[in-house]
Every structure is written in C-alpha cells, then in structure tokens.
Amino acid sequence: MPDTADAAALLAEAAAQGPGSTIRIVLIVSLVGGALLAWFLLRGYRSDDADTADAVGGPASRTDGGTDRDANA
C-alpha cells in the first residue's frame, strides 16, 4: 500500500505554491475557447455568398430570401 504521508506532503507543497499555474491554464483555455466559439458563430454571417455564386456560374443575387428551401418546404 502506498505511503499516504508522502502524498500528503506533495499536496501540501503544491498548495503552498498557490493557484498560479492552474489559473494561468484556465485563462489560456478560456481565451482559446472563446476565440474558437466566436469564429464558429461568426462564420455563418459571412457575406461572400454572391461572390462564390458568380465564380461557379450561379445567379449573382438570390430572390428567394437566401434559403436553399423550395416553396413547398
């Protein structure tokens, strides 16, 4: 069975150093996650749909409100 006094000593030493590294990791992960979330949400608001339709040979402007559904849906 492992010695619990050694584990308790390691935990006490880590607690004495403070939460600096944990807070740093949480902040970095939060910033990266926020940036990825913003990118994911804002990529749907891109306005280059007409440019790509021209390049493919489709209509330059859409008259059906910009959806891919037909009138029966």
Protein backbone atom coordinates (compact mmCIF):
# COMPACT_ATOMS: atom_id res chain seq x y z
CA MET A 1 0.00 0.00 0.00
CA PRO A 2 1.43 3.42 -0.88
CA ASP A 3 2.55 5.71 1.86
CA THR A 4 -0.08 8.42 2.31
CA ALA A 5 2.29 10.69 4.22
CA ASP A 6 4.36 11.24 1.06
CA ALA A 7 1.26 12.03 -0.97
CA ALA A 8 0.01 14.42 1.70
CA ALA A 9 3.40 16.15 1.76
CA LEU A 10 3.30 16.61 -2.02
CA LEU A 11 -0.22 18.03 -1.87
CA ALA A 12 0.72 20.39 0.94
CA GLU A 13 3.75 21.60 -1.04
CA ALA A 14 1.62 22.19 -4.15
CA ALA A 15 -0.97 24.07 -2.11
CA ALA A 16 1.71 26.28 -0.57
CA GLN A 17 2.83 27.43 -4.03
CA GLY A 18 -0.60 28.87 -4.79
CA PRO A 19 -3.04 28.53 -7.66
CA GLY A 20 -0.90 30.43 -10.17
CA SER A 21 -0.37 27.71 -12.75
CA THR A 22 -3.96 26.48 -12.53
CA ILE A 23 -5.38 29.96 -13.07
CA ARG A 24 -2.97 30.51 -15.97
CA ILE A 25 -4.12 27.29 -17.66
CA VAL A 26 -7.80 28.13 -17.11
CA LEU A 27 -7.33 31.61 -18.59
CA ILE A 28 -5.47 30.33 -21.65
CA VAL A 29 -8.05 27.62 -22.31
CA SER A 30 -10.87 30.14 -21.85
CA LEU A 31 -9.34 32.60 -24.31
CA VAL A 32 -8.70 29.94 -26.93
CA GLY A 33 -12.19 28.52 -26.45
CA GLY A 34 -13.74 31.98 -26.73
CA ALA A 35 -11.84 32.67 -29.94
CA LEU A 36 -12.93 29.35 -31.44
CA LEU A 37 -16.53 29.93 -30.38
CA ALA A 38 -16.53 33.42 -31.92
CA TRP A 39 -15.04 32.06 -35.15
CA PHE A 40 -17.63 29.29 -35.30
CA LEU A 41 -20.56 31.61 -34.67
CA LEU A 42 -19.39 34.44 -36.92
CA ARG A 43 -18.51 32.28 -39.92
CA GLY A 44 -22.23 31.90 -40.61
CA TYR A 45 -22.54 35.65 -41.12
CA ARG A 46 -20.06 35.73 -43.97
CA SER A 47 -21.30 37.86 -46.88
CA ASP A 48 -19.28 36.36 -49.73
CA ASP A 49 -22.12 34.08 -50.90
CA ALA A 50 -22.76 36.16 -54.03
CA ASP A 51 -19.06 36.14 -54.92
CA THR A 52 -18.86 32.36 -54.79
CA ALA A 53 -22.10 32.01 -56.80
CA ASP A 54 -20.62 34.18 -59.57
CA ALA A 55 -17.45 32.12 -59.62
CA VAL A 56 -19.38 28.87 -60.02
CA GLY A 57 -21.74 30.28 -62.63
CA GLY A 58 -24.83 30.55 -60.47
CA PRO A 59 -27.08 33.55 -60.06
CA ALA A 60 -25.42 36.64 -58.65
CA SER A 61 -28.34 37.57 -56.41
CA ARG A 62 -30.96 35.44 -54.74
CA THR A 63 -34.60 36.44 -54.84
CA ASP A 64 -35.92 33.72 -52.55
CA GLY A 65 -34.67 35.21 -49.29
CA GLY A 66 -31.33 33.43 -49.34
CA THR A 67 -32.55 29.97 -48.30
CA ASP A 68 -31.95 26.67 -50.02
CA ARG A 69 -35.52 25.52 -49.48
CA ASP A 70 -38.11 25.49 -52.20
CA ALA A 71 -41.60 26.93 -51.89
CA ASN A 72 -43.11 23.56 -50.89
CA ALA A 73 -40.96 23.06 -47.79
